[in-house]
Every structure is written in C-alpha cells, then in structure tokens.
Amino acid sequence: MKPVFFSMTILLISYYLSDEHIYTYFGLVICFMLWAKTVFHAENGLSDVFGRAVLITGCDSGFGHHLAKKLDCMGFTVFAGCLCPEGPGAQSLVEKGSDRMKVLQLDVTKDDDVSLAKDFVQANLPEKGLYAVVNNAGICDWGETEWSTAMDFQKMADVNLFGAIRVTIPFLSLVRASKGRMLYVSSIFSFFNCLNMGAYSVSKRGLEAFADSLRVEMASFGVKVSIIQPGNFGMATNILPKKSPQDIWDEFDDARKLTFNQKYIEMACAYFNVLCTSGFKDCSMVINAMLHALTAPKPQTRYQLVSWRDMFFFYICPFLPTCITDSVFSVSSMYQKRKVMLYS
C-alpha cells in the first residue's frame, strides 16, 4: 500500500505543478513504475521453511539479534554468529530460542573464526541445507577525514566490507547448492555523502559494489542477492558511538587545533549525540524487509528504509547531479556554522 500511496501523491503533485501535460505524463510514468513494482513483489512467499538454515552475522544485538529470533520462530534453523557468544545478547538467543537456534563464535575480521564457523555449519546443516547468509555484522563511527587516520578507515572497512567478503566466499557454494539468498546490510550513506561520515560511506559503498557484482554472477545459479539500506536506526541499534568533545580535541595536533575550532567540535558532538537518540526506535521496518528478501519469490535488489519525510529525497538522490546533492548541505545550519568557525 505504501508504494501505491506514494505514487498517487506524485501524480497529484505533478498535476498541480503546471498546465503543461508533460508533468502529468511524468507523474503517470512514476505511478505505473511503482504500481508495477508493488504487483511484481506481491506474490506468495516461501512457505516451507523447516529444514532450511540461515547464517546471520552480528547477532549480539541490533538487526541480527532480532532477525535471528524471528527466523527461529518461523521454523528456520538459525546459525547466529556472535562476536561474544558468552555475552548477554548471545545467551538470550540460547535461552529463549528453540533447539534450532545455534549460536557460534564469529568475528568476521578473523579468518580462523570464519573457517571454524563453516565447519560448524556444515556439521549441523538440516536436510535442505544452507538457504541464506545474512551479512549483517557492522560498525559505525563518525568524524571528519582530517580528524582520522588510514587505520580508522581500515578498521571500518575490515568489518563492514572485508568482513562480508570474508564470510561470503567460503559459504557461497553452500547457498548456491540450495539456490538460496545472500543479504547485505548497507546504509543510505552508501550513496549519500554526509559530512563526518566518510569512513563509514567508503565501507558501505564498497560493500554495495561487491554485492552488485555478486548478484550478476549468481543470477545464473538461481541465487538472489539483496541489499538492505537502513536510514537512521541509531536509537534502535545503538550502533553510533557517543564521543566527548574533549576526547576528540585531545587527539588533535597543533595544526589541526588551528584549523578546527573547539566550539565546532562541541557542536558536532552535540549534533551526533542527538542522532543517537532520534530516528526509528525499533527494528521492525528493517526486519520486515529482511524477511521479504529471504522469503519472497522475487525479492527486491535494494530495500531503502527511511522515514516518510525523507523518502522522496533519498529515492531520487542517486539520480540527481552531484551539484544538487552537495547543495543540500548549504541549507544545513550546522554546515553554515562550521564554515564560520573554521580557522577562528
């Protein structure tokens, strides 16, 4: 229903924009595309889930934790990869899950962990094999490029990008055998170039390039690949770390202290701390999208999950000229204050 409502809104807007028919025709085209997309994805989903297994990374908390519980309730055998299998999140899955819930140690940055995880999965596969791998494990941080080091970028990419690659390659043959699904949790920051999110954007853009290439390769084998693009779910996942202005300032050398005003550092921290307590308060939108990607006969290649207020902008953002998307920051009060504060 949401795409239909959205398409009707576009049609009404296009009708009142001008007396010229071209705007109405343009609106009709968009309406038809969204309506067709809705019909195309409205078929019955996978019903026979018993005997099928799903591997999920990053199940200690957040999306992975909630998805593991949901799939277990549906009847899937769940291999829940956790960074800390003795931690409260992993133990909650063990205590509240069925005997189909298998919690295992899986640090996606370690080849040994991935190898042991594959051995464990193969030894405990149900009769219909490994149906899907959900590459969910990820970290997030913020900070301007000049505040960062190459190691900061490498640490982010090692989890968000190379972690997914490290897990995908050894498990791909198992998923291919069952003609199953591969899911990758990305972000709207994969295509939206936001101030202070450079390292995170690099890792997620690389992840999507990998997933897109894999989707083309796997189509011949009947394996479907989907990308999940959440918006601001900071409050639901606690993924965005909180920093103190003093911690950031203390890491600056004299040259950077001359460039970046301490008041700006305080303002940036306040802004991102607000982001940590805003946005969606639960994971249901993301979990529903993941379930559709896993069970629908014709899953979407991308699931963009943002608020209704942001939907139109982020829907067209990838198609807009760079000069327009960059100009979005010119209307931001934070960006304007930043320009004034630099070098002062």
Protein backbone atom coordinates (compact mmCIF):
# COMPACT_ATOMS: atom_id res chain seq x y z
CA MET A 1 0.00 0.00 0.00
CA LYS A 2 2.84 2.43 0.72
CA PRO A 3 4.18 2.50 -2.88
CA VAL A 4 0.64 2.99 -4.19
CA PHE A 5 0.02 5.90 -1.80
CA PHE A 6 3.40 7.39 -2.68
CA SER A 7 2.70 7.12 -6.42
CA MET A 8 -0.70 8.82 -6.06
CA THR A 9 0.96 11.66 -4.16
CA ILE A 10 3.45 12.13 -7.00
CA LEU A 11 0.63 12.15 -9.52
CA LEU A 12 -1.29 14.84 -7.64
CA ILE A 13 1.81 17.00 -7.28
CA SER A 14 2.66 16.64 -10.97
CA TYR A 15 -0.92 17.57 -11.92
CA TYR A 16 -0.85 20.85 -9.99
CA LEU A 17 2.68 21.84 -10.98
CA SER A 18 1.66 23.30 -14.30
CA ASP A 19 -0.92 23.33 -17.02
CA GLU A 20 1.59 21.58 -19.26
CA HIS A 21 0.68 17.93 -19.77
CA ILE A 22 4.30 16.80 -19.64
CA TYR A 23 4.28 16.99 -15.82
CA THR A 24 1.17 14.81 -15.62
CA TYR A 25 2.68 12.30 -18.04
CA PHE A 26 5.84 12.22 -15.96
CA GLY A 27 3.76 11.58 -12.84
CA LEU A 28 1.84 8.81 -14.59
CA VAL A 29 5.08 7.09 -15.59
CA ILE A 30 6.32 7.10 -11.99
CA CYS A 31 2.92 5.87 -10.76
CA PHE A 32 3.00 2.99 -13.22
CA MET A 33 6.55 2.02 -12.25
CA LEU A 34 5.72 1.98 -8.53
CA TRP A 35 2.45 0.14 -9.09
CA ALA A 36 4.20 -2.48 -11.24
CA LYS A 37 6.88 -2.86 -8.59
CA THR A 38 4.20 -3.47 -5.95
CA VAL A 39 2.41 -6.10 -8.05
CA PHE A 40 5.71 -7.71 -9.06
CA HIS A 41 6.71 -8.28 -5.43
CA ALA A 42 3.25 -9.22 -4.10
CA GLU A 43 3.44 -12.95 -4.75
CA ASN A 44 3.24 -15.56 -2.02
CA GLY A 45 6.47 -16.06 -0.13
CA LEU A 46 8.43 -19.13 0.91
CA SER A 47 6.16 -21.38 2.99
CA ASP A 48 8.26 -24.49 3.55
CA VAL A 49 10.98 -23.14 5.86
CA PHE A 50 11.57 -26.21 8.03
CA GLY A 51 14.83 -27.92 7.16
CA ARG A 52 16.35 -24.73 5.77
CA ALA A 53 19.21 -22.96 7.52
CA VAL A 54 20.22 -19.29 7.63
CA LEU A 55 23.57 -17.93 8.80
CA ILE A 56 23.45 -14.42 10.28
CA THR A 57 26.49 -12.40 11.33
CA GLY A 58 26.40 -9.78 14.08
CA CYS A 59 23.70 -11.33 16.26
CA ASP A 60 24.89 -9.95 19.61
CA SER A 61 22.42 -7.07 19.26
CA GLY A 62 20.52 -4.92 16.78
CA PHE A 63 19.17 -6.18 13.46
CA GLY A 64 20.95 -9.52 13.59
CA HIS A 65 19.67 -10.34 17.05
CA HIS A 66 16.04 -9.55 16.18
CA LEU A 67 16.22 -11.37 12.83
CA ALA A 68 17.65 -14.49 14.47
CA LYS A 69 14.74 -14.65 16.91
CA LYS A 70 12.19 -14.06 14.16
CA LEU A 71 13.58 -16.72 11.82
CA ASP A 72 13.77 -19.22 14.68
CA CYS A 73 10.09 -18.63 15.45
CA MET A 74 9.25 -19.16 11.78
CA GLY A 75 10.90 -22.58 11.76
CA PHE A 76 14.28 -21.91 10.16
CA THR A 77 17.45 -23.41 11.58
CA VAL A 78 19.44 -20.32 12.60
CA PHE A 79 23.21 -20.11 12.87
CA ALA A 80 23.63 -16.91 14.88
CA GLY A 81 27.18 -15.61 14.56
CA CYS A 82 28.16 -13.58 17.62
CA LEU A 83 31.30 -11.65 18.47
CA CYS A 84 30.82 -12.58 22.14
CA PRO A 85 28.94 -15.92 22.40
CA GLU A 86 29.11 -15.71 26.20
CA GLY A 87 27.63 -12.19 26.23
CA PRO A 88 24.06 -11.26 27.21
CA GLY A 89 22.80 -10.95 23.64
CA ALA A 90 24.03 -14.37 22.56
CA GLN A 91 22.88 -16.02 25.78
CA SER A 92 19.43 -14.52 25.33
CA LEU A 93 19.18 -16.25 21.94
CA VAL A 94 20.18 -19.56 23.53
CA GLU A 95 17.78 -19.27 26.45
CA LYS A 96 14.74 -18.04 24.51
CA GLY A 97 15.31 -19.87 21.23
CA SER A 98 14.32 -23.35 20.14
CA ASP A 99 16.70 -26.24 19.56
CA ARG A 100 17.07 -24.92 16.00
CA MET A 101 18.95 -21.86 17.32
CA LYS A 102 22.71 -22.43 17.04
CA VAL A 103 24.91 -19.69 18.50
CA LEU A 104 28.52 -19.69 17.34
CA GLN A 105 31.65 -17.58 17.74
CA LEU A 106 32.12 -15.44 14.63
CA ASP A 107 34.41 -12.42 14.44
CA VAL A 108 34.17 -11.50 10.75
CA THR A 109 37.64 -9.93 10.82
CA LYS A 110 39.30 -13.29 11.64
CA ASP A 111 39.85 -15.96 9.02
CA ASP A 112 40.10 -18.68 11.68
CA ASP A 113 36.68 -17.78 13.09
CA VAL A 114 35.13 -17.93 9.63
CA SER A 115 36.77 -21.29 8.89
CA LEU A 116 35.59 -22.79 12.18
CA ALA A 117 32.11 -21.35 11.60
CA LYS A 118 31.90 -23.08 8.22
CA ASP A 119 32.94 -26.40 9.77
CA PHE A 120 30.28 -25.99 12.46
CA VAL A 121 27.57 -25.06 9.97
CA GLN A 122 28.38 -27.98 7.66
CA ALA A 123 28.35 -30.40 10.59
CA ASN A 124 24.92 -29.19 11.74
CA LEU A 125 23.08 -28.48 8.49
CA PRO A 126 19.44 -29.59 8.29
CA GLU A 127 18.22 -31.70 5.39
CA LYS A 128 17.60 -28.83 2.94
CA GLY A 129 20.98 -27.21 3.52
CA LEU A 130 22.09 -23.60 3.92
CA TYR A 131 19.41 -21.42 2.39
CA ALA A 132 20.81 -17.96 3.10
CA VAL A 133 23.62 -15.89 4.54
CA VAL A 134 22.77 -12.50 6.05
CA ASN A 135 25.88 -10.31 6.22
CA ASN A 136 24.73 -8.03 9.00
CA ALA A 137 27.83 -7.50 11.17
CA GLY A 138 28.94 -3.89 11.08
CA ILE A 139 30.39 -0.97 13.00
CA CYS A 140 29.88 2.76 12.68
CA ASP A 141 31.84 5.85 13.65
CA TRP A 142 31.87 9.49 12.70
CA GLY A 143 34.48 12.18 12.27
CA GLU A 144 35.88 14.38 9.54
CA THR A 145 38.52 12.89 7.26
CA GLU A 146 41.23 15.20 8.59
CA TRP A 147 40.50 14.00 12.13
CA SER A 148 41.01 10.40 11.07
CA THR A 149 43.91 8.12 10.19
CA ALA A 150 44.24 5.48 7.49
CA MET A 151 43.87 2.93 10.29
CA ASP A 152 40.42 4.35 11.13
CA PHE A 153 39.31 3.75 7.53
CA GLN A 154 40.89 0.30 7.50
CA LYS A 155 39.18 -0.73 10.74
CA MET A 156 35.80 0.30 9.37
CA ALA A 157 36.33 -1.48 6.06
CA ASP A 158 37.70 -4.62 7.71
CA VAL A 159 34.32 -5.22 9.38
CA ASN A 160 31.78 -3.63 7.05
CA LEU A 161 33.35 -4.57 3.71
CA PHE A 162 36.02 -7.24 4.03
CA GLY A 163 34.13 -8.96 6.84
CA ALA A 164 31.24 -9.58 4.45
CA ILE A 165 33.62 -10.74 1.70
CA ARG A 166 35.46 -12.98 4.16
CA VAL A 167 32.16 -14.69 5.11
CA THR A 168 30.63 -14.78 1.62
CA ILE A 169 33.34 -16.63 -0.28
CA PRO A 170 33.53 -19.85 1.80
CA PHE A 171 29.74 -20.11 2.27
CA LEU A 172 28.76 -19.28 -1.30
CA SER A 173 28.94 -22.85 -2.58
CA LEU A 174 26.52 -24.00 0.13
CA VAL A 175 24.00 -21.27 -0.73
CA ARG A 176 24.44 -21.96 -4.45
CA ALA A 177 23.58 -25.63 -3.87
CA SER A 178 20.22 -24.64 -2.39
CA LYS A 179 19.59 -21.80 -4.87
CA GLY A 180 19.14 -19.54 -1.89
CA ARG A 181 19.70 -15.94 -0.88
CA MET A 182 22.56 -13.60 0.03
CA LEU A 183 21.73 -10.44 2.03
CA TYR A 184 23.97 -7.47 2.73
CA VAL A 185 23.15 -4.77 5.27
CA SER A 186 24.39 -1.49 3.86
CA SER A 187 23.18 2.06 4.57
CA ILE A 188 21.79 5.16 2.90
CA PHE A 189 25.30 6.54 3.43
CA SER A 190 26.47 4.24 0.65
CA PHE A 191 25.18 6.85 -1.80
CA PHE A 192 24.54 9.94 0.36
CA ASN A 193 27.79 11.79 1.05
CA CYS A 194 27.22 13.12 4.54
CA LEU A 195 29.55 15.39 6.48
CA ASN A 196 31.59 13.43 9.08
CA MET A 197 30.62 10.01 7.71
CA GLY A 198 33.43 9.49 5.18
CA ALA A 199 34.94 6.26 6.52
CA TYR A 200 31.53 4.67 7.01
CA SER A 201 30.41 5.68 3.50
CA VAL A 202 33.58 4.23 1.97
CA SER A 203 32.96 0.85 3.61
CA LYS A 204 29.28 0.71 2.66
CA ARG A 205 29.80 1.89 -0.91
CA GLY A 206 32.41 -0.82 -1.36
CA LEU A 207 30.02 -3.37 0.14
CA GLU A 208 27.33 -2.49 -2.38
CA ALA A 209 29.78 -2.73 -5.28
CA PHE A 210 30.68 -6.23 -4.09
CA ALA A 211 27.02 -7.24 -3.67
CA ASP A 212 26.07 -5.83 -7.09
CA SER A 213 28.85 -7.79 -8.79
CA LEU A 214 27.87 -10.94 -6.91
CA ARG A 215 24.22 -10.55 -7.88
CA VAL A 216 25.11 -10.58 -11.59
CA GLU A 217 27.33 -13.64 -11.16
CA MET A 218 24.87 -15.61 -9.02
CA ALA A 219 21.83 -14.99 -11.23
CA SER A 220 22.92 -17.87 -13.48
CA PHE A 221 22.82 -20.21 -10.46
CA GLY A 222 19.40 -19.11 -9.22
CA VAL A 223 20.83 -17.33 -6.16
CA LYS A 224 19.23 -13.97 -5.37
CA VAL A 225 21.23 -11.14 -3.81
CA SER A 226 19.61 -8.22 -1.96
CA ILE A 227 20.94 -5.08 -0.29
CA ILE A 228 19.32 -3.55 2.79
CA GLN A 229 19.76 0.24 3.09
CA PRO A 230 18.61 1.44 6.54
CA GLY A 231 18.30 5.11 7.38
CA ASN A 232 18.59 6.39 10.94
CA PHE A 233 18.09 3.41 13.24
CA GLY A 234 20.64 4.69 15.76
CA MET A 235 18.25 4.53 18.69
CA ALA A 236 17.11 1.03 17.77
CA THR A 237 20.61 -0.41 17.39
CA ASN A 238 22.94 1.86 19.40
CA ILE A 239 25.43 1.48 16.54
CA LEU A 240 26.58 5.10 16.53
CA PRO A 241 29.15 5.69 19.29
CA LYS A 242 28.93 8.74 21.52
CA LYS A 243 32.07 10.85 21.82
CA SER A 244 33.05 13.70 24.09
CA PRO A 245 34.43 16.91 22.54
CA GLN A 246 37.47 16.74 24.80
CA ASP A 247 38.39 13.23 23.62
CA ILE A 248 38.43 14.44 20.01
CA TRP A 249 40.27 17.67 20.83
CA ASP A 250 42.98 15.86 22.78
CA GLU A 251 43.85 13.76 19.72
CA PHE A 252 44.47 16.84 17.56
CA ASP A 253 47.97 18.09 16.86
CA ASP A 254 48.69 21.83 16.90
CA ALA A 255 48.00 22.25 13.18
CA ARG A 256 44.52 20.74 13.42
CA LYS A 257 43.75 22.79 16.53
CA LEU A 258 44.44 25.91 14.45
CA THR A 259 42.06 24.73 11.72
CA PHE A 260 39.16 23.30 13.72
CA ASN A 261 37.60 25.49 16.38
CA GLN A 262 36.93 23.72 19.66
CA LYS A 263 33.42 25.16 19.68
CA TYR A 264 32.77 23.41 16.37
CA ILE A 265 33.92 20.11 17.86
CA GLU A 266 31.42 20.62 20.67
CA MET A 267 28.65 21.42 18.20
CA ALA A 268 29.44 18.35 16.07
CA CYS A 269 29.37 16.10 19.13
CA ALA A 270 26.04 17.54 20.22
CA TYR A 271 24.62 17.02 16.72
CA PHE A 272 25.64 13.36 16.50
CA ASN A 273 24.56 12.67 20.07
CA VAL A 274 21.11 13.91 19.06
CA LEU A 275 21.20 11.49 16.10
CA CYS A 276 21.89 8.68 18.56
CA THR A 277 18.60 9.40 20.30
CA SER A 278 16.50 10.12 17.20
CA GLY A 279 15.22 8.16 14.24
CA PHE A 280 13.41 4.83 14.43
CA LYS A 281 13.04 3.38 17.91
CA ASP A 282 12.63 -0.24 16.81
CA CYS A 283 13.95 -2.52 14.08
CA SER A 284 10.65 -3.77 12.68
CA MET A 285 10.94 -2.00 9.31
CA VAL A 286 14.37 -3.49 8.68
CA ILE A 287 13.39 -6.96 9.90
CA ASN A 288 10.32 -6.97 7.63
CA ALA A 289 12.48 -6.01 4.67
CA MET A 290 14.95 -8.78 5.50
CA LEU A 291 12.11 -11.31 5.74
CA HIS A 292 10.81 -10.23 2.35
CA ALA A 293 14.30 -10.51 0.83
CA LEU A 294 14.64 -14.01 2.30
CA THR A 295 11.21 -15.44 1.50
CA ALA A 296 9.68 -13.56 -1.45
CA PRO A 297 9.90 -15.35 -4.81
CA LYS A 298 11.06 -12.11 -6.44
CA PRO A 299 12.90 -10.06 -3.80
CA GLN A 300 14.00 -6.53 -4.46
CA THR A 301 17.64 -5.83 -5.22
CA ARG A 302 17.57 -2.91 -2.77
CA TYR A 303 15.38 -2.07 0.21
CA GLN A 304 15.62 1.62 1.10
CA LEU A 305 14.30 2.07 4.64
CA VAL A 306 13.77 5.68 5.65
CA SER A 307 11.01 7.78 7.13
CA TRP A 308 8.14 9.11 5.02
CA ARG A 309 9.57 12.61 5.45
CA ASP A 310 12.87 11.56 3.86
CA MET A 311 11.57 9.04 1.35
CA PHE A 312 11.21 11.29 -1.70
CA PHE A 313 14.69 12.82 -1.35
CA PHE A 314 16.51 9.54 -0.82
CA TYR A 315 14.53 7.85 -3.57
CA ILE A 316 15.73 10.35 -6.18
CA CYS A 317 19.11 11.16 -4.57
CA PRO A 318 21.13 8.53 -6.50
CA PHE A 319 19.87 10.02 -9.78
CA LEU A 320 20.48 13.71 -9.02
CA PRO A 321 23.51 15.66 -10.27
CA THR A 322 26.31 15.98 -7.72
CA CYS A 323 25.93 19.76 -7.58
CA ILE A 324 22.37 19.33 -6.31
CA THR A 325 23.10 16.66 -3.70
CA ASP A 326 26.09 18.66 -2.43
CA SER A 327 23.96 21.79 -2.18
CA VAL A 328 21.77 20.06 0.42
CA PHE A 329 24.44 20.91 2.98
CA SER A 330 24.23 24.62 2.17
CA VAL A 331 20.84 24.77 3.87
CA SER A 332 22.10 22.99 6.97
CA SER A 333 22.58 25.28 9.97
CA MET A 334 25.43 23.07 11.19
CA TYR A 335 27.26 23.38 7.87
CA GLN A 336 26.93 27.16 7.88
CA LYS A 337 28.19 27.43 11.46
CA ARG A 338 31.08 25.14 10.57
CA LYS A 339 32.25 27.46 7.77
CA VAL A 340 32.24 30.41 10.15
CA MET A 341 34.06 28.53 12.89
CA LEU A 342 36.92 27.13 10.79
CA TYR A 343 40.24 28.89 11.42
CA SER A 344 38.62 31.09 14.08
